[in-house]
Every structure is written in structure tokens, then in C-alpha cells.
Protein backbone atom coordinates (compact mmCIF):
# COMPACT_ATOMS: atom_id res chain seq x y z
CA UNK A 1 113.62 130.68 97.80
CA UNK A 2 117.01 131.76 96.43
CA UNK A 3 119.04 129.17 94.71
CA UNK A 4 122.70 128.68 95.74
CA UNK A 5 125.27 128.47 92.85
CA UNK A 6 128.09 126.19 93.89
CA UNK A 7 131.70 126.94 92.83
CA UNK A 8 133.07 124.83 89.99
CA UNK A 9 135.34 122.83 92.07
CA UNK A 10 132.44 121.72 94.34
CA UNK A 11 130.14 120.86 91.38
CA UNK A 12 132.95 118.76 89.92
CA UNK A 13 133.35 116.92 93.13
CA UNK A 14 129.62 116.24 93.57
CA UNK A 15 129.39 115.11 89.79
CA UNK A 16 132.22 112.62 90.65
CA UNK A 17 130.21 111.42 93.75
CA UNK A 18 127.23 111.06 91.62
CA UNK A 19 128.95 108.69 89.28
CA UNK A 20 129.86 106.51 92.42
CA UNK A 21 126.36 106.56 93.69
CA UNK A 22 125.05 105.70 90.35
CA UNK A 23 127.10 102.41 90.54
CA UNK A 24 126.12 101.89 94.12
CA UNK A 25 122.55 102.70 94.39
CA UNK A 26 121.03 101.91 90.84
CA UNK A 27 122.03 98.44 90.18
CA UNK A 28 118.32 97.53 90.11
CA UNK A 29 117.79 99.48 87.03
CA UNK A 30 117.98 96.76 84.30
CA UNK A 31 119.44 99.00 81.39
CA UNK A 32 122.61 101.21 80.94
CA UNK A 33 120.91 103.75 79.33
CA UNK A 34 118.30 104.25 82.30
CA UNK A 35 121.38 104.52 84.54
CA UNK A 36 122.89 107.32 82.13
CA UNK A 37 119.53 109.24 82.18
CA UNK A 38 119.71 108.98 85.96
CA UNK A 39 123.16 110.38 85.92
CA UNK A 40 121.73 113.34 83.70
CA UNK A 41 118.91 114.13 85.76
CA UNK A 42 121.14 113.99 89.12
CA UNK A 43 123.62 116.36 87.70
CA UNK A 44 120.71 118.63 86.38
CA UNK A 45 119.13 118.73 90.00
CA UNK A 46 122.61 119.87 91.33
CA UNK A 47 123.79 122.14 88.58
CA UNK A 48 120.49 123.67 87.04
CA UNK A 49 119.65 127.00 88.27
CA UNK A 50 116.22 128.16 89.00
CA UNK A 51 113.14 125.42 88.96
CA UNK A 52 114.34 121.96 88.47
CA UNK A 53 111.77 121.04 85.79
CA UNK A 54 112.59 118.44 83.24
CA UNK A 55 112.66 121.25 80.58
CA UNK A 56 115.19 123.28 82.53
CA UNK A 57 117.39 120.29 83.20
CA UNK A 58 117.29 119.22 79.61
CA UNK A 59 118.45 122.72 78.44
CA UNK A 60 117.26 125.01 75.49
CA UNK A 61 117.23 123.43 72.15
CA UNK A 62 117.64 119.77 73.40
CA UNK A 63 114.13 118.40 72.64
CA UNK A 64 115.51 114.90 72.24
CA UNK A 65 117.08 115.26 75.74
CA UNK A 66 113.94 116.43 77.26
CA UNK A 67 111.77 113.61 75.75
CA UNK A 68 114.11 111.00 76.97
CA UNK A 69 114.02 112.52 80.49
CA UNK A 70 110.41 112.56 80.30
CA UNK A 71 110.05 109.05 79.42
CA UNK A 72 112.69 108.02 82.02
CA UNK A 73 110.87 109.90 84.94
CA UNK A 74 107.11 109.81 84.11
CA UNK A 75 106.69 106.75 82.03
CA UNK A 76 109.66 104.22 82.71
CA UNK A 77 108.34 101.28 84.98
CA UNK A 78 111.66 101.25 86.91
CA UNK A 79 110.99 100.44 90.80
CA UNK A 80 112.26 103.25 92.93
CA UNK A 81 112.05 101.22 96.36
CA UNK A 82 115.41 99.38 95.75
CA UNK A 83 117.12 102.60 95.07
CA UNK A 84 115.78 104.12 98.19
CA UNK A 85 116.64 101.14 100.24
CA UNK A 86 120.10 100.97 98.85
CA UNK A 87 120.66 104.71 99.66
CA UNK A 88 119.33 104.21 103.36
CA UNK A 89 121.80 101.37 103.71
CA UNK A 90 124.58 103.46 102.17
CA UNK A 91 124.05 106.39 104.47
CA UNK A 92 123.81 104.24 107.55
CA UNK A 93 127.38 103.10 106.79
CA UNK A 94 128.71 106.66 105.69
CA UNK A 95 126.71 109.38 107.66
CA UNK A 96 128.24 110.91 110.86
CA UNK A 97 126.66 109.21 113.89
CA UNK A 98 123.04 108.57 112.74
CA UNK A 99 120.66 108.81 115.58
CA UNK A 100 117.02 108.58 114.40
CA UNK A 101 114.58 108.47 111.67
CA UNK A 102 112.81 111.68 111.37
CA UNK A 103 109.50 112.13 109.72
CA UNK A 104 109.18 115.58 107.92
CA UNK A 105 105.74 116.75 106.31
CA UNK A 106 106.00 118.54 103.01
CA UNK A 107 103.49 120.81 101.41
CA UNK A 108 103.43 121.59 97.84
CA UNK A 109 100.94 124.10 96.87
CA UNK A 110 99.62 123.94 93.54
CA UNK A 111 97.43 126.15 91.02
CA UNK A 112 95.72 123.35 89.29
CA UNK A 113 93.92 120.14 89.84
CA UNK A 114 95.82 117.67 87.67
CA UNK A 115 99.00 117.07 89.79
CA UNK A 116 98.64 113.70 91.58
CA UNK A 117 97.30 113.85 95.03
CA UNK A 118 96.54 117.56 94.81
CA UNK A 119 93.25 118.71 96.45
CA UNK A 120 91.87 121.65 98.79
CA UNK A 121 92.68 120.39 102.20
CA UNK A 122 93.11 121.89 105.59
CA UNK A 123 97.29 121.83 106.28
CA UNK A 124 98.27 122.03 110.07
CA UNK A 125 101.79 123.23 108.90
CA UNK A 126 100.21 126.20 106.92
CA UNK A 127 97.36 126.88 109.60
CA UNK A 128 94.99 127.07 106.60
CA UNK A 129 93.11 125.30 103.75
CA UNK A 130 95.16 125.10 100.56
CA UNK A 131 95.15 123.61 97.06
CA UNK A 132 98.23 121.35 97.47
CA UNK A 133 99.86 117.97 97.58
CA UNK A 134 100.75 116.51 100.95
CA UNK A 135 103.74 114.40 101.33
CA UNK A 136 106.13 113.07 103.98
CA UNK A 137 109.84 112.29 104.12
CA UNK A 138 111.68 109.83 106.16
CA UNK A 139 115.16 111.17 107.08
CA UNK A 140 118.19 109.44 108.56
CA UNK A 141 119.31 112.14 110.94
CA UNK A 142 122.35 112.99 113.19
CA UNK A 143 123.45 116.25 114.92
CA UNK A 144 125.62 117.06 111.95
CA UNK A 145 123.33 116.20 108.89
CA UNK A 146 120.12 114.55 107.71
CA UNK A 147 119.23 112.72 104.63
CA UNK A 148 115.59 111.84 103.02
CA UNK A 149 115.60 108.27 102.10
CA UNK A 150 111.81 107.43 101.71
CA UNK A 151 108.73 109.50 100.63
CA UNK A 152 105.02 108.93 101.01
CA UNK A 153 102.42 110.91 98.97
CA UNK A 154 99.08 111.24 100.72
CA UNK A 155 95.96 110.57 98.40
CA UNK A 156 92.85 112.26 99.35
CA UNK A 157 89.56 110.49 99.00
CA UNK A 158 88.81 111.50 95.23
CA UNK A 159 92.20 110.30 94.07
CA UNK A 160 91.33 106.54 95.05
CA UNK A 161 88.31 106.52 92.40
CA UNK A 162 88.86 104.39 89.35
CA UNK A 163 89.04 107.37 87.06
CA UNK A 164 91.79 109.28 88.83
CA UNK A 165 93.54 105.98 89.58
CA UNK A 166 93.81 105.26 85.87
CA UNK A 167 94.69 108.96 84.88
CA UNK A 168 97.68 109.12 87.19
CA UNK A 169 98.66 105.45 87.23
CA UNK A 170 98.12 104.95 90.93
CA UNK A 171 98.41 101.36 91.92
CA UNK A 172 95.55 99.50 93.54
CA UNK A 173 97.38 99.17 96.80
CA UNK A 174 97.64 102.93 97.39
CA UNK A 175 94.88 103.84 99.81
CA UNK A 176 93.59 107.24 101.15
CA UNK A 177 95.02 107.72 104.52
CA UNK A 178 96.14 110.69 106.79
CA UNK A 179 99.71 111.90 106.32
CA UNK A 180 100.79 110.37 109.69
CA UNK A 181 99.12 107.07 108.73
CA UNK A 182 101.06 107.02 105.42
CA UNK A 183 104.39 107.71 107.36
CA UNK A 184 103.73 105.17 109.88
CA UNK A 185 102.91 102.50 107.30
CA UNK A 186 106.29 103.39 105.53
CA UNK A 187 108.21 103.13 108.53
CA UNK A 188 106.83 99.55 109.09
CA UNK A 189 107.63 98.53 105.64
CA UNK A 190 111.17 99.79 106.25
CA UNK A 191 111.52 98.04 109.51
CA UNK A 192 110.16 94.76 107.90
CA UNK A 193 112.17 94.71 104.67
CA UNK A 194 114.93 97.04 104.39
CA UNK A 195 117.39 95.50 106.65
CA UNK A 196 118.35 98.77 108.71
CA UNK A 197 119.71 99.29 112.13
CA UNK A 198 117.04 99.85 114.79
CA UNK A 199 116.75 103.42 115.54
CA UNK A 200 114.07 105.77 117.17
CA UNK A 201 111.55 107.23 114.89
CA UNK A 202 110.92 110.88 115.67
CA UNK A 203 107.71 112.77 114.38
CA UNK A 204 104.91 115.01 115.13
CA UNK A 205 101.50 113.22 115.55
CA UNK A 206 97.83 114.61 115.72
CA UNK A 207 95.82 113.54 118.74
CA UNK A 208 93.42 111.55 116.48
CA UNK A 209 96.29 109.65 115.07
CA UNK A 210 98.31 108.87 118.23
CA UNK A 211 96.60 105.65 119.57
CA UNK A 212 97.20 104.03 116.13
CA UNK A 213 100.70 105.32 115.54
CA UNK A 214 101.63 103.97 119.15
CA UNK A 215 100.14 100.65 118.52
CA UNK A 216 101.68 100.11 115.31
CA UNK A 217 105.26 100.78 116.43
CA UNK A 218 104.96 98.90 119.70
CA UNK A 219 103.62 95.80 117.79
CA UNK A 220 107.00 95.88 115.81
CA UNK A 221 109.14 97.06 118.73
CA UNK A 222 110.11 100.16 117.02
CA UNK A 223 111.31 103.00 119.37
CA UNK A 224 109.61 106.33 119.05
CA UNK A 225 109.53 109.89 120.12
CA UNK A 226 106.23 111.57 119.05
CA UNK A 227 105.70 115.23 119.45
CA UNK A 228 102.04 115.80 120.72
CA UNK A 229 99.76 118.74 121.61
CA UNK A 230 99.49 119.72 125.21
CA UNK A 231 95.69 119.28 125.14
CA UNK A 232 96.06 115.36 124.54
CA UNK A 233 94.46 113.60 127.52
CA UNK A 234 96.63 111.20 129.19
CA UNK A 235 96.18 108.34 131.74
CA UNK A 236 98.74 108.08 134.78
CA UNK A 237 98.92 106.78 138.25
CA UNK A 238 96.70 104.05 139.65
CA UNK A 239 99.48 101.84 141.36
CA UNK A 240 100.00 101.32 145.01
CA UNK A 241 97.85 101.93 148.03
CA UNK A 242 98.24 105.70 148.34
CA UNK A 243 97.78 106.32 144.41
CA UNK A 244 94.24 105.62 143.46
CA UNK A 245 93.49 105.73 139.83
CA UNK A 246 94.06 105.87 137.07
CA UNK A 247 93.79 109.55 136.63
CA UNK A 248 93.19 111.34 133.25
CA UNK A 249 94.51 114.87 132.66
CA UNK A 250 95.87 117.09 129.65
CA UNK A 251 99.38 116.38 128.98
CA UNK A 252 100.12 120.22 129.72
CA UNK A 253 98.64 120.00 133.22
CA UNK A 254 100.35 116.91 134.25
CA UNK A 255 103.70 118.13 133.14
CA UNK A 256 103.17 121.60 134.79
CA UNK A 257 102.12 119.86 138.14
CA UNK A 258 105.74 118.30 138.13
CA UNK A 259 107.75 121.39 137.39
CA UNK A 260 109.53 120.99 140.65
CA UNK A 261 111.21 118.15 139.29
CA UNK A 262 112.52 119.83 136.34
CA UNK A 263 116.23 119.40 135.05
CA UNK A 264 118.14 122.33 133.34
CA UNK A 265 119.48 121.55 129.75
CA UNK A 266 122.13 123.81 128.04
CA UNK A 267 122.23 123.20 124.30
CA UNK A 268 123.33 124.54 120.87
CA UNK A 269 120.43 124.96 118.47
CA UNK A 270 120.95 123.44 115.07
CA UNK A 271 122.43 125.68 112.47
CA UNK A 272 122.98 128.45 115.09
CA UNK A 273 126.13 129.32 117.17
CA UNK A 274 124.28 130.75 120.26
CA UNK A 275 123.41 128.36 123.23
CA UNK A 276 119.92 127.91 124.54
CA UNK A 277 118.52 126.77 127.79
CA UNK A 278 115.43 124.37 128.16
CA UNK A 279 113.94 122.99 131.32
CA UNK A 280 112.62 119.19 131.17
CA UNK A 281 110.49 116.96 133.19
CA UNK A 282 108.62 113.76 132.60
CA UNK A 283 105.96 111.53 133.84
CA UNK A 284 105.25 107.72 133.30
CA UNK A 285 101.75 107.37 131.58
CA UNK A 286 99.70 104.28 131.08
CA UNK A 287 97.85 105.06 127.96
CA UNK A 288 96.18 107.77 125.90
CA UNK A 289 92.34 108.03 125.50
CA UNK A 290 90.98 107.25 121.99
CA UNK A 291 87.33 107.81 120.92
CA UNK A 292 85.95 108.17 124.54
CA UNK A 293 87.82 105.07 125.49
CA UNK A 294 91.07 103.97 127.16
CA UNK A 295 93.38 101.99 124.88
CA UNK A 296 94.91 98.72 126.72
CA UNK A 297 98.06 99.62 128.31
CA UNK A 298 100.87 99.04 125.78
CA UNK A 299 103.50 96.19 126.69
CA UNK A 300 106.08 98.72 126.60
CA UNK A 301 105.68 101.63 129.26
CA UNK A 302 105.18 105.20 127.79
CA UNK A 303 106.92 108.34 129.18
CA UNK A 304 105.42 111.88 128.68
CA UNK A 305 108.39 114.51 128.51
CA UNK A 306 107.74 118.21 128.73
CA UNK A 307 109.73 121.29 128.05
CA UNK A 308 109.70 124.96 128.89
CA UNK A 309 111.99 127.53 127.50
CA UNK A 310 114.06 129.55 130.04
CA UNK A 311 111.64 132.44 130.47
CA UNK A 312 108.44 130.59 129.96
CA UNK A 313 105.83 130.32 132.84
CA UNK A 314 104.09 127.01 131.24
CA UNK A 315 105.39 124.24 129.31
CA UNK A 316 105.36 124.67 125.61
CA UNK A 317 106.61 121.28 124.02
CA UNK A 318 105.40 117.76 124.89
CA UNK A 319 106.56 114.27 123.55
CA UNK A 320 105.33 110.77 124.23
CA UNK A 321 108.01 108.16 123.94
CA UNK A 322 108.53 104.24 124.68
CA UNK A 323 112.32 104.80 125.30
CA UNK A 324 112.33 104.70 129.10
CA UNK A 325 116.01 103.82 129.75
CA UNK A 326 117.71 106.90 128.48
CA UNK A 327 118.41 110.32 130.22
CA UNK A 328 116.17 113.25 129.51
CA UNK A 329 118.92 114.91 127.77
CA UNK A 330 119.21 112.34 125.19
CA UNK A 331 115.46 112.12 124.52
CA UNK A 332 115.47 115.82 124.01
CA UNK A 333 118.31 115.63 121.73
CA UNK A 334 116.41 113.02 119.52
CA UNK A 335 113.19 115.21 119.70
CA UNK A 336 115.05 118.31 118.33
CA UNK A 337 116.53 116.46 115.35
CA UNK A 338 113.30 117.86 113.70
CA UNK A 339 115.10 121.13 113.75
CA UNK A 340 118.14 119.50 112.00
CA UNK A 341 115.88 118.12 109.29
CA UNK A 342 114.04 121.37 108.66
CA UNK A 343 117.30 123.02 108.29
CA UNK A 344 118.56 120.67 105.76
CA UNK A 345 115.31 120.42 104.01
CA UNK A 346 115.38 124.24 103.51
CA UNK A 347 119.07 124.57 102.62
CA UNK A 348 119.62 121.35 100.56
CA UNK A 349 116.52 119.48 99.59
CA UNK A 350 114.64 122.46 98.29
CA UNK A 351 117.67 123.47 96.50
CA UNK A 352 117.85 120.31 94.52
CA UNK A 353 114.15 120.72 93.64
CA UNK A 354 112.21 118.34 95.81
CA UNK A 355 109.17 120.48 95.39
CA UNK A 356 109.55 121.22 91.58
CA UNK A 357 108.04 118.12 89.81
CA UNK A 358 105.43 119.34 87.22
CA UNK A 359 104.37 116.05 85.96
CA UNK A 360 100.96 114.38 86.62
CA UNK A 361 101.71 110.62 87.21
CA UNK A 362 102.18 109.01 90.62
CA UNK A 363 105.18 107.00 89.34
CA UNK A 364 106.74 110.26 87.97
CA UNK A 365 106.44 111.95 91.30
CA UNK A 366 108.23 109.07 93.14
CA UNK A 367 110.76 108.86 90.57
CA UNK A 368 111.51 112.51 91.02
CA UNK A 369 111.46 112.36 94.75
CA UNK A 370 113.74 109.42 94.75
CA UNK A 371 116.43 111.19 92.60
CA UNK A 372 116.13 114.39 94.58
CA UNK A 373 117.13 112.32 97.74
CA UNK A 374 120.03 110.99 95.97
CA UNK A 375 121.07 114.53 94.92
CA UNK A 376 120.47 115.89 98.30
CA UNK A 377 122.85 113.32 99.68
CA UNK A 378 125.39 113.94 97.01
CA UNK A 379 125.28 117.59 97.77
CA UNK A 380 125.77 117.34 101.25
CA UNK A 381 128.36 114.45 101.18
CA UNK A 382 130.36 116.16 98.50
CA UNK A 383 130.27 119.72 100.04
CA UNK A 384 130.14 119.39 103.88
CA UNK A 385 133.02 118.39 106.04
CA UNK A 386 132.60 117.27 109.70
CA UNK A 387 130.62 119.70 111.79
CA UNK A 388 131.00 120.74 115.13
CA UNK A 389 129.59 118.50 117.71
CA UNK A 390 126.34 120.25 118.96
CA UNK A 391 124.91 117.44 120.82
CA UNK A 392 123.80 117.78 124.39
CA UNK A 393 126.14 115.43 126.74
CA UNK A 394 124.59 114.23 130.02
CA UNK A 395 126.06 115.51 133.28
CA UNK A 396 128.44 113.22 135.03
CA UNK A 397 126.66 110.19 136.49
CA UNK A 398 127.19 108.72 139.79
CA UNK A 399 130.40 106.57 140.07
CA UNK A 400 130.08 103.27 138.49
CA UNK A 401 126.97 104.14 136.74
CA UNK A 402 128.06 105.68 133.33
CA UNK A 403 125.69 104.79 130.61
CA UNK A 404 126.85 104.56 127.14
CA UNK A 405 125.37 107.47 124.89
CA UNK A 406 122.62 106.63 122.67
CA UNK A 407 124.71 106.83 119.53
CA UNK A 408 127.56 104.88 120.94
CA UNK A 409 125.51 101.73 121.98
CA UNK A 410 125.73 98.78 119.81
CA UNK A 411 123.44 98.77 116.93
CA UNK A 412 120.61 96.14 116.62
CA UNK A 413 118.06 95.46 113.74
CA UNK A 414 115.30 97.90 113.45
CA UNK A 415 112.67 95.43 114.22
CA UNK A 416 114.64 93.69 117.06
CA UNK A 417 113.19 93.73 120.56
CA UNK A 418 114.48 96.96 122.46
CA UNK A 419 116.33 96.38 125.61
CA UNK A 420 114.08 95.70 128.85
CA UNK A 421 112.93 99.05 130.44
CA UNK A 422 112.65 99.41 134.28
CA UNK A 423 109.75 101.90 134.81
CA UNK A 424 109.92 103.93 137.93
CA UNK A 425 106.84 104.18 140.10
CA UNK A 426 103.78 105.91 138.45
CA UNK A 427 103.80 109.57 139.18
CA UNK A 428 100.97 111.42 141.13
CA UNK A 429 100.33 115.18 141.05
CA UNK A 430 102.41 116.72 143.73
CA UNK A 431 100.57 117.78 147.06
CA UNK A 432 101.77 121.27 146.90
CA UNK A 433 101.61 123.55 143.87
CA UNK A 434 104.74 125.26 142.59
CA UNK A 435 105.42 128.65 143.97
CA UNK A 436 107.29 131.33 141.99
CA UNK A 437 111.15 131.57 142.50
CA UNK A 438 111.15 127.79 143.47
CA UNK A 439 114.66 126.28 141.88
CA UNK A 440 114.55 123.65 139.43
CA UNK A 441 116.95 120.95 140.12
CA UNK A 442 119.86 121.65 137.90
CA UNK A 443 121.61 119.27 135.51
CA UNK A 444 123.71 121.02 132.94
CA UNK A 445 123.78 119.41 129.49
CA UNK A 446 126.64 120.91 127.31
């Protein structure tokens, strides 16, 4: 990836912002020299061209600086969690209209076998087996910008053995989980202890991880929008004299059967000027099967949302959510924040070297990821002015029924109980199949 060289005036502005962030976010570091090395490293992540290794940041002929940075990143025992928590709290106060927490997977391919967490493993994002590290970032996202604040590093099974734990300094509390399980646990920790506002969590979840992910978030009343595969079997219906059941069908089949109830959405893709058209419909569902058995119905009703592109004959994207009191357009807006995060990851987070750490310790990886997150925030906050509003806006509601937009509603604590949801009647497959040329009910979202 090409590295962008910032103009001198922008670099100076970002450096001044870094000084401010050091005083705001690094109070937990006990010594002044640690905060000074944090400042050196952050400026290096922003200013250094090429790969952001400790050697490149230190510069040529500065062995003492390189040794000190190596000590600060890979060996110093400072705790990264308070810094990340302070960053999240600061961004909630300063970011433009934050809407959700978005989980973004990150794959770092490696040549050797010494980097912590590396191993040969199948990677869905690559569609193949690779020798790599797998990580996940939790991003505070709005339509204008997104910022990573928390990171997880997935540990393949061999890395939880005593030998490799000791070699990489992996704490005893770290376990071998799937990337989705790591991310869900991280969100739960944030919800329980970071004193953040309650926002929906948006992430892609594999079929095998979905039941546990739903249960984990429902138990803490965390709203979510999970992108799922169309092959996922879902349970629906089963209420009323004329709707026997429950029935089970793939998500794709259930959504396609409801195409006559579609709504049309006009929206602008993140990072692009041209508009796009998407057709949406939804169905209430009861549960998702797990290991050939049905889960107990969650206390919060679930909604399956499906989307077609303008010219597609079949639905192409599917989400499951426990947010049942929002218009489909707003749910679609939340789901598409993954595009905003992908854009900022490519343009900014990679540019400050999030993938570039070459050390071998668990502590060093998390220290580097923390500082790269602060550098990402400094670079975006220091160079990006207000962006045009690309959010979809619901069509005009009926008189006296104007709901407040999702971002405008009064915030509540992340772990607080969500508003009561009034589910509609469970859907049933329509009696008549959709015929070509049938017009979807139109609801333009600009």
C-alpha cells in the first residue's frame, strides 16, 4: 500500500494534537519518560515513511533511541487498557455523531512462526489458508469517520501451551477462542467497565458462532446488528390459529418469500459520490438453530433483515438484530457502517502502521496497537473537517408519528436495558409467489 506524505502544516497540527492526547489519554502511565516515549512513537507513526518499525521510527544512527523505544513497546509493563478506555471516552465526546461500535477483522500475514499468535489457519476474509495473525478491532463509527479503540489478538491452540505462553509473555487469562468469540468478550468487558454510552454493535458472525454471540449480548442488553450468511437456518412463525409452526428455513429463503413487502432505499456509499439503490425487507424470527437443536427464544425478539441490490434477482445480504423499534433504513445505515470502517482502516489505520509491528511479545503487540489507534485518531481529528452528511433519512412519517433519528435519541449507558420493543405478528410465508414485474412498495431514503 502506498504511504501518504502529509504536508508540513498538517503534520505540525497533528503533532500538536498528539501533545494534547498524551496529557488526556496517558495519565495512567506512571513516569514522565514513558509519556515522552509514547510521544516519540506516536509522532513516528504519523511522520515516518514506509513501514512503521521501531528501527524506522528511531531513525538511522540513533541506537539509543531504538533501544529505548524497544524497551517501551515490548518490555515495559504499562497497562494498555486504561489508555484505550480513555481514548474511547474522549472520542465519544468529540467524534461527529457516533452511531455504533463496529467490529472489523484484521489479518496480518507473516513469513515465520515466531510472531505471537501466528499460525497456519483458514481465513474467511482471504478465502484460503494462510500463515498469519488474526485480530479484531472495535471501532466507534459514524457516517463521517470511525476510530479503533480496542483490539483482540486471536491465539491458536498451540499458543496456549506453557512453552509458547512463556516465550511470548502471554497472560494465563488469555484463551484460545475464535476471532468472533474474542471480539464478543471484548465488547462485554467494555460494556461492563468502560462507562460508555450504549450503542449498537455491528459485526459479521459465522453461523457456528451466532447462537453464543446472540446469547452473550442479550444477557447484557447490548443492541446488535449481526451480518449472517444466507444459508443460516432460522425459526419463525408459530403464533395464532392460522400460523402453525414454528417453521425453519434458510434466511435467504425466508427473506426472498417476503419480496412483495420490500422498501426502496436510496443512499450514498461511504467514500463515494454516486448514489445507490437497495431494496429491504424484514421478518420477525424466534431463534436460530444450534447443533441440531433450537435455542430457547431470547427475551428480546429478533429481526431478520435482507437486502437486494437494484438489479439483483435474489437477496444478497442478511442481518439479524435485536433492535426492533427502528425503521429499516436506520438499521441498514448501521449495517453499512462496516464500509465506513473498511475505508478508514485502509486510508488511515494502515497508513499509521497497524499491521507493521515486528516484535514477538503479546505485550508489545498490544502496546503497538494501542499507540496506532491513538495515531489514527490524531490523524483523522487533525486533518479531516466535517464531512457531508451521507446518512439515509427516513421518508416522511405519518402525522404525529415522527420518530427521533437513532443518533438523536438521548444516550443511555451501554449496559442499560434497551427500550421496550413492540414486535409485530410473526411472519408467514406468503401464499402467492412473487411474479416478475411486481412493484415493491417504495420508500425513498435520501
